[in-house]
Amino acid sequence: MAAAVFVTATAVACGGGSSSTPTSPTTGGGTSGGGTTGDTATITIGSDGRVTPSSVTINRGGRVTMVNNHNRAHDMSSDPHPEHTQCPEINQIGFLNPGQSRTSGNFNTARSCGFHDHNEDTNPNLKGTIVIQ
């Protein structure tokens, strides 16, 4: 009995469990190209259905948050379509309802990653690039 109480108390003290609630957008040093790079960047799907900026640069280990301000849901995925294998970190963003945001995994390898809306893979307004330095 004492062991069960200890385990429960330890789990509560450590914050046990995780949440699948989408994260809020982050502010940080991400850029739309040409400026100083940072550890985070935010890409917004605007009310016009376009991603802005369409290209961001972050440091290795950084993350990207996508915010959906459009009136339709979007399923953001890594290139190429339909495999989505180029940069799996993007796939953690996935399906975004209107008003929702979600953050990618950490990009730990220097490279360039393309992304698109899985359900509108030919729509140039919903395509972009994440450059990891």
N, C-alpha and C. Protein backbone atom coordinates (compact mmCIF):
# COMPACT_ATOMS: atom_id res chain seq x y z
N MET A 1 0.83 -1.19 0.00
CA MET A 1 0.00 0.00 0.00
C MET A 1 0.87 1.25 0.00
N ALA A 2 1.88 1.29 0.85
CA ALA A 2 2.77 2.44 0.93
C ALA A 2 3.48 2.66 -0.40
N ALA A 3 3.85 1.59 -1.09
CA ALA A 3 4.52 1.71 -2.37
C ALA A 3 3.59 2.35 -3.40
N ALA A 4 2.32 2.00 -3.40
CA ALA A 4 1.35 2.58 -4.33
C ALA A 4 1.19 4.06 -4.08
N VAL A 5 1.15 4.47 -2.81
CA VAL A 5 1.03 5.88 -2.47
C VAL A 5 2.27 6.63 -2.94
N PHE A 6 3.47 6.04 -2.75
CA PHE A 6 4.71 6.66 -3.18
C PHE A 6 4.74 6.86 -4.69
N VAL A 7 4.34 5.83 -5.45
CA VAL A 7 4.33 5.91 -6.91
C VAL A 7 3.37 6.99 -7.37
N THR A 8 2.18 7.03 -6.77
CA THR A 8 1.19 8.03 -7.14
C THR A 8 1.70 9.43 -6.83
N ALA A 9 2.27 9.63 -5.66
CA ALA A 9 2.79 10.94 -5.27
C ALA A 9 3.92 11.37 -6.19
N THR A 10 4.78 10.44 -6.57
CA THR A 10 5.89 10.77 -7.46
C THR A 10 5.36 11.18 -8.83
N ALA A 11 4.38 10.47 -9.36
CA ALA A 11 3.81 10.80 -10.67
C ALA A 11 3.17 12.17 -10.65
N VAL A 12 2.45 12.51 -9.59
CA VAL A 12 1.81 13.81 -9.49
C VAL A 12 2.86 14.90 -9.38
N ALA A 13 3.89 14.69 -8.58
CA ALA A 13 4.94 15.69 -8.39
C ALA A 13 5.71 15.95 -9.68
N CYS A 14 5.85 14.95 -10.52
CA CYS A 14 6.59 15.10 -11.77
C CYS A 14 5.70 15.59 -12.89
N GLY A 15 4.44 15.82 -12.61
CA GLY A 15 3.53 16.31 -13.64
C GLY A 15 2.99 15.21 -14.50
N GLY A 16 3.16 13.97 -14.14
CA GLY A 16 2.78 12.77 -14.90
C GLY A 16 1.77 13.00 -16.00
N GLY A 17 1.95 12.32 -17.08
CA GLY A 17 1.01 12.39 -18.20
C GLY A 17 1.44 13.45 -19.19
N SER A 18 0.80 13.42 -20.34
CA SER A 18 1.09 14.41 -21.37
C SER A 18 -0.21 14.87 -21.97
N SER A 19 -0.13 15.94 -22.70
CA SER A 19 -1.32 16.51 -23.29
C SER A 19 -1.19 16.51 -24.80
N SER A 20 -2.27 16.24 -25.49
CA SER A 20 -2.26 16.31 -26.94
C SER A 20 -2.86 17.62 -27.42
N THR A 21 -3.06 18.56 -26.49
CA THR A 21 -3.61 19.85 -26.85
C THR A 21 -2.61 20.59 -27.72
N PRO A 22 -3.05 21.19 -28.82
CA PRO A 22 -2.14 21.94 -29.68
C PRO A 22 -1.47 23.06 -28.91
N THR A 23 -0.27 23.39 -29.30
CA THR A 23 0.45 24.46 -28.65
C THR A 23 0.06 25.80 -29.24
N SER A 24 0.32 26.83 -28.49
CA SER A 24 0.08 28.18 -28.98
C SER A 24 1.25 28.60 -29.84
N PRO A 25 1.03 29.58 -30.71
CA PRO A 25 2.14 30.04 -31.54
C PRO A 25 3.26 30.59 -30.68
N THR A 26 4.48 30.41 -31.14
CA THR A 26 5.61 30.94 -30.42
C THR A 26 6.10 32.18 -31.12
N THR A 27 6.72 33.03 -30.37
CA THR A 27 7.41 34.15 -30.98
C THR A 27 8.87 33.84 -30.86
N GLY A 28 9.64 34.28 -31.77
CA GLY A 28 11.05 33.96 -31.67
C GLY A 28 11.80 34.41 -32.88
N GLY A 29 13.00 33.87 -33.00
CA GLY A 29 13.94 34.37 -33.97
C GLY A 29 13.79 33.81 -35.36
N GLY A 30 12.75 33.10 -35.69
CA GLY A 30 12.59 32.61 -37.05
C GLY A 30 12.45 33.76 -38.02
N THR A 31 12.80 33.53 -39.27
CA THR A 31 12.74 34.61 -40.24
C THR A 31 12.07 34.13 -41.50
N SER A 32 11.74 35.07 -42.34
CA SER A 32 11.18 34.74 -43.64
C SER A 32 12.27 34.77 -44.70
N GLY A 33 13.51 34.68 -44.28
CA GLY A 33 14.63 34.66 -45.19
C GLY A 33 15.40 35.97 -45.12
N GLY A 34 16.72 35.88 -45.26
CA GLY A 34 17.55 37.06 -45.34
C GLY A 34 17.96 37.66 -44.01
N GLY A 35 17.35 37.30 -42.89
CA GLY A 35 17.69 37.91 -41.61
C GLY A 35 18.40 36.93 -40.72
N THR A 36 18.43 37.27 -39.45
CA THR A 36 19.03 36.41 -38.45
C THR A 36 18.16 35.18 -38.25
N THR A 37 18.78 34.02 -38.13
CA THR A 37 18.02 32.81 -37.89
C THR A 37 17.79 32.64 -36.40
N GLY A 38 16.85 31.77 -36.05
CA GLY A 38 16.56 31.53 -34.65
C GLY A 38 16.15 30.09 -34.43
N ASP A 39 15.68 29.85 -33.21
CA ASP A 39 15.29 28.50 -32.84
C ASP A 39 13.83 28.20 -33.12
N THR A 40 13.03 29.23 -33.37
CA THR A 40 11.62 29.02 -33.65
C THR A 40 11.17 29.90 -34.80
N ALA A 41 10.12 29.49 -35.45
CA ALA A 41 9.49 30.29 -36.49
C ALA A 41 8.02 29.96 -36.50
N THR A 42 7.22 30.91 -36.94
CA THR A 42 5.78 30.70 -37.05
C THR A 42 5.36 30.94 -38.49
N ILE A 43 4.60 30.00 -39.02
CA ILE A 43 4.02 30.11 -40.36
C ILE A 43 2.51 30.15 -40.17
N THR A 44 1.86 31.12 -40.79
CA THR A 44 0.42 31.29 -40.63
C THR A 44 -0.29 31.01 -41.95
N ILE A 45 -1.36 30.24 -41.87
CA ILE A 45 -2.26 30.09 -43.01
C ILE A 45 -3.29 31.18 -42.81
N GLY A 46 -3.23 32.20 -43.65
CA GLY A 46 -4.07 33.38 -43.48
C GLY A 46 -5.51 33.17 -43.90
N SER A 47 -6.32 34.19 -43.64
CA SER A 47 -7.74 34.13 -44.01
C SER A 47 -7.92 33.99 -45.51
N ASP A 48 -6.87 34.34 -46.29
CA ASP A 48 -6.91 34.19 -47.74
C ASP A 48 -6.47 32.80 -48.21
N GLY A 49 -6.12 31.90 -47.27
CA GLY A 49 -5.73 30.54 -47.63
C GLY A 49 -4.30 30.43 -48.12
N ARG A 50 -3.44 31.39 -47.77
CA ARG A 50 -2.03 31.36 -48.17
C ARG A 50 -1.14 31.22 -46.94
N VAL A 51 -0.03 30.45 -47.09
CA VAL A 51 0.94 30.38 -46.01
C VAL A 51 1.83 31.60 -46.07
N THR A 52 2.09 32.18 -44.89
CA THR A 52 2.93 33.37 -44.78
C THR A 52 3.79 33.25 -43.54
N PRO A 53 5.07 33.40 -43.64
CA PRO A 53 5.84 33.43 -44.88
C PRO A 53 5.90 32.03 -45.49
N SER A 54 6.21 31.98 -46.76
CA SER A 54 6.27 30.67 -47.42
C SER A 54 7.63 30.01 -47.22
N SER A 55 8.59 30.76 -46.70
CA SER A 55 9.91 30.19 -46.40
C SER A 55 10.42 30.78 -45.09
N VAL A 56 10.90 29.91 -44.21
CA VAL A 56 11.51 30.33 -42.95
C VAL A 56 12.85 29.63 -42.79
N THR A 57 13.74 30.26 -42.01
CA THR A 57 15.03 29.68 -41.71
C THR A 57 15.17 29.58 -40.20
N ILE A 58 15.56 28.39 -39.72
CA ILE A 58 15.76 28.18 -38.30
C ILE A 58 17.11 27.49 -38.07
N ASN A 59 17.56 27.52 -36.84
CA ASN A 59 18.79 26.80 -36.47
C ASN A 59 18.48 25.33 -36.25
N ARG A 60 19.52 24.49 -36.37
CA ARG A 60 19.36 23.07 -36.03
C ARG A 60 18.83 22.97 -34.61
N GLY A 61 17.91 22.04 -34.41
CA GLY A 61 17.28 21.87 -33.11
C GLY A 61 16.02 22.71 -32.95
N GLY A 62 15.78 23.61 -33.89
CA GLY A 62 14.62 24.50 -33.82
C GLY A 62 13.32 23.82 -34.19
N ARG A 63 12.24 24.55 -33.99
CA ARG A 63 10.89 24.05 -34.28
C ARG A 63 10.09 25.11 -35.02
N VAL A 64 9.04 24.67 -35.69
CA VAL A 64 8.16 25.58 -36.42
C VAL A 64 6.73 25.37 -35.95
N THR A 65 6.03 26.47 -35.70
CA THR A 65 4.62 26.43 -35.35
C THR A 65 3.82 26.89 -36.55
N MET A 66 2.77 26.14 -36.88
CA MET A 66 1.84 26.55 -37.93
C MET A 66 0.52 26.93 -37.28
N VAL A 67 -0.01 28.06 -37.73
CA VAL A 67 -1.26 28.60 -37.22
C VAL A 67 -2.25 28.63 -38.37
N ASN A 68 -3.45 28.10 -38.15
CA ASN A 68 -4.48 28.11 -39.19
C ASN A 68 -5.51 29.20 -38.91
N ASN A 69 -5.38 30.33 -39.61
CA ASN A 69 -6.35 31.42 -39.51
C ASN A 69 -7.33 31.42 -40.68
N HIS A 70 -7.33 30.32 -41.44
CA HIS A 70 -8.25 30.18 -42.57
C HIS A 70 -9.58 29.62 -42.07
N ASN A 71 -10.62 29.74 -42.87
CA ASN A 71 -11.93 29.23 -42.46
C ASN A 71 -12.13 27.75 -42.78
N ARG A 72 -11.07 27.09 -43.28
CA ARG A 72 -11.14 25.65 -43.58
C ARG A 72 -9.99 24.93 -42.88
N ALA A 73 -10.17 23.66 -42.64
CA ALA A 73 -9.12 22.83 -42.04
C ALA A 73 -8.04 22.55 -43.09
N HIS A 74 -6.80 22.34 -42.61
CA HIS A 74 -5.68 22.00 -43.48
C HIS A 74 -4.86 20.91 -42.83
N ASP A 75 -4.34 20.01 -43.66
CA ASP A 75 -3.55 18.87 -43.19
C ASP A 75 -2.11 19.07 -43.69
N MET A 76 -1.28 19.71 -42.86
CA MET A 76 0.06 20.10 -43.27
C MET A 76 1.04 18.93 -43.13
N SER A 77 1.76 18.66 -44.22
CA SER A 77 2.64 17.49 -44.30
C SER A 77 3.93 17.85 -45.00
N SER A 78 4.93 17.00 -44.77
CA SER A 78 6.23 17.13 -45.43
C SER A 78 6.11 16.71 -46.89
N ASP A 79 6.96 17.27 -47.73
CA ASP A 79 7.11 16.78 -49.09
C ASP A 79 7.82 15.43 -49.03
N PRO A 80 7.83 14.63 -50.06
CA PRO A 80 6.98 14.71 -51.24
C PRO A 80 5.59 14.11 -50.96
N HIS A 81 4.64 14.49 -51.76
CA HIS A 81 3.28 13.95 -51.65
C HIS A 81 3.22 12.66 -52.48
N PRO A 82 2.63 11.60 -52.03
CA PRO A 82 1.91 11.40 -50.78
C PRO A 82 2.75 10.71 -49.69
N GLU A 83 4.06 10.52 -49.91
CA GLU A 83 4.87 9.77 -48.94
C GLU A 83 5.14 10.55 -47.66
N HIS A 84 5.39 11.88 -47.79
CA HIS A 84 5.66 12.75 -46.64
C HIS A 84 6.89 12.32 -45.85
N THR A 85 7.96 11.95 -46.56
CA THR A 85 9.15 11.39 -45.92
C THR A 85 10.34 12.34 -45.85
N GLN A 86 10.29 13.46 -46.54
CA GLN A 86 11.45 14.35 -46.60
C GLN A 86 11.87 14.87 -45.22
N CYS A 87 10.93 15.34 -44.45
CA CYS A 87 11.19 15.88 -43.11
C CYS A 87 10.03 15.50 -42.19
N PRO A 88 10.11 14.32 -41.58
CA PRO A 88 9.01 13.82 -40.75
C PRO A 88 8.61 14.76 -39.61
N GLU A 89 9.52 15.65 -39.20
CA GLU A 89 9.19 16.58 -38.11
C GLU A 89 7.97 17.43 -38.45
N ILE A 90 7.78 17.73 -39.74
CA ILE A 90 6.63 18.53 -40.17
C ILE A 90 5.34 17.76 -39.97
N ASN A 91 5.38 16.45 -40.13
CA ASN A 91 4.17 15.63 -40.04
C ASN A 91 3.54 15.67 -38.65
N GLN A 92 4.29 16.10 -37.64
CA GLN A 92 3.73 16.24 -36.30
C GLN A 92 2.71 17.38 -36.22
N ILE A 93 2.75 18.28 -37.19
CA ILE A 93 1.76 19.36 -37.23
C ILE A 93 0.43 18.80 -37.68
N GLY A 94 0.41 18.12 -38.81
CA GLY A 94 -0.78 17.41 -39.26
C GLY A 94 -2.01 18.27 -39.46
N PHE A 95 -3.15 17.76 -39.00
CA PHE A 95 -4.47 18.34 -39.26
C PHE A 95 -4.72 19.53 -38.35
N LEU A 96 -5.02 20.68 -38.95
CA LEU A 96 -5.31 21.90 -38.21
C LEU A 96 -6.70 22.41 -38.54
N ASN A 97 -7.56 22.44 -37.56
CA ASN A 97 -8.88 23.05 -37.72
C ASN A 97 -8.72 24.56 -37.75
N PRO A 98 -9.72 25.30 -38.23
CA PRO A 98 -9.64 26.76 -38.18
C PRO A 98 -9.38 27.24 -36.75
N GLY A 99 -8.44 28.18 -36.61
CA GLY A 99 -8.10 28.73 -35.31
C GLY A 99 -7.12 27.91 -34.50
N GLN A 100 -6.70 26.77 -35.00
CA GLN A 100 -5.82 25.88 -34.26
C GLN A 100 -4.36 26.08 -34.69
N SER A 101 -3.44 25.78 -33.78
CA SER A 101 -2.02 25.81 -34.11
C SER A 101 -1.35 24.59 -33.50
N ARG A 102 -0.21 24.22 -34.10
CA ARG A 102 0.52 23.07 -33.60
C ARG A 102 2.00 23.26 -33.98
N THR A 103 2.88 22.70 -33.18
CA THR A 103 4.31 22.86 -33.37
C THR A 103 4.95 21.56 -33.84
N SER A 104 5.91 21.69 -34.75
CA SER A 104 6.64 20.54 -35.29
C SER A 104 7.55 19.94 -34.25
N GLY A 105 8.15 18.83 -34.63
CA GLY A 105 9.24 18.27 -33.84
C GLY A 105 10.49 19.10 -34.07
N ASN A 106 11.57 18.76 -33.38
CA ASN A 106 12.84 19.47 -33.54
C ASN A 106 13.51 19.05 -34.85
N PHE A 107 13.96 20.05 -35.60
CA PHE A 107 14.70 19.81 -36.84
C PHE A 107 16.19 19.76 -36.48
N ASN A 108 16.78 18.58 -36.44
CA ASN A 108 18.14 18.42 -35.96
C ASN A 108 19.19 18.29 -37.06
N THR A 109 18.77 18.22 -38.31
CA THR A 109 19.69 18.05 -39.43
C THR A 109 19.60 19.26 -40.36
N ALA A 110 20.74 19.83 -40.72
CA ALA A 110 20.75 20.96 -41.65
C ALA A 110 20.29 20.46 -43.03
N ARG A 111 19.26 21.09 -43.54
CA ARG A 111 18.70 20.73 -44.84
C ARG A 111 17.57 21.69 -45.17
N SER A 112 16.95 21.48 -46.31
CA SER A 112 15.78 22.25 -46.72
C SER A 112 14.59 21.30 -46.80
N CYS A 113 13.49 21.68 -46.17
CA CYS A 113 12.30 20.83 -46.09
C CYS A 113 11.11 21.51 -46.76
N GLY A 114 10.53 20.84 -47.72
CA GLY A 114 9.31 21.35 -48.33
C GLY A 114 8.09 20.85 -47.56
N PHE A 115 7.01 21.66 -47.58
CA PHE A 115 5.75 21.24 -46.95
C PHE A 115 4.59 21.65 -47.84
N HIS A 116 3.45 21.02 -47.60
CA HIS A 116 2.24 21.28 -48.38
C HIS A 116 1.02 20.82 -47.58
N ASP A 117 -0.16 21.18 -48.05
CA ASP A 117 -1.41 20.65 -47.49
C ASP A 117 -1.67 19.32 -48.20
N HIS A 118 -1.74 18.25 -47.44
CA HIS A 118 -1.93 16.91 -48.02
C HIS A 118 -3.18 16.85 -48.91
N ASN A 119 -4.24 17.53 -48.53
CA ASN A 119 -5.50 17.47 -49.29
C ASN A 119 -5.54 18.43 -50.47
N GLU A 120 -4.55 19.33 -50.55
CA GLU A 120 -4.46 20.27 -51.67
C GLU A 120 -3.00 20.35 -52.12
N ASP A 121 -2.44 19.20 -52.44
CA ASP A 121 -1.01 19.10 -52.71
C ASP A 121 -0.53 19.88 -53.92
N THR A 122 -1.42 20.28 -54.82
CA THR A 122 -1.01 21.07 -55.98
C THR A 122 -1.28 22.56 -55.81
N ASN A 123 -1.84 22.97 -54.68
CA ASN A 123 -2.15 24.38 -54.43
C ASN A 123 -0.87 25.11 -54.03
N PRO A 124 -0.34 26.00 -54.89
CA PRO A 124 0.90 26.69 -54.58
C PRO A 124 0.79 27.62 -53.37
N ASN A 125 -0.42 28.05 -53.02
CA ASN A 125 -0.62 28.93 -51.87
C ASN A 125 -0.41 28.22 -50.54
N LEU A 126 -0.42 26.88 -50.57
CA LEU A 126 -0.28 26.09 -49.34
C LEU A 126 1.00 25.28 -49.34
N LYS A 127 2.02 25.78 -50.05
CA LYS A 127 3.33 25.14 -50.10
C LYS A 127 4.37 26.09 -49.57
N GLY A 128 5.44 25.52 -49.03
CA GLY A 128 6.52 26.34 -48.54
C GLY A 128 7.76 25.54 -48.22
N THR A 129 8.73 26.23 -47.62
CA THR A 129 10.02 25.62 -47.33
C THR A 129 10.50 26.04 -45.94
N ILE A 130 11.07 25.09 -45.24
CA ILE A 130 11.74 25.35 -43.96
C ILE A 130 13.22 25.02 -44.19
N VAL A 131 14.08 26.00 -43.97
CA VAL A 131 15.52 25.81 -44.13
C VAL A 131 16.12 25.69 -42.74
N ILE A 132 16.86 24.60 -42.51
CA ILE A 132 17.50 24.36 -41.23
C ILE A 132 18.99 24.54 -41.40
N GLN A 133 19.59 25.45 -40.60
CA GLN A 133 21.03 25.75 -40.71
C GLN A 133 21.79 25.22 -39.52
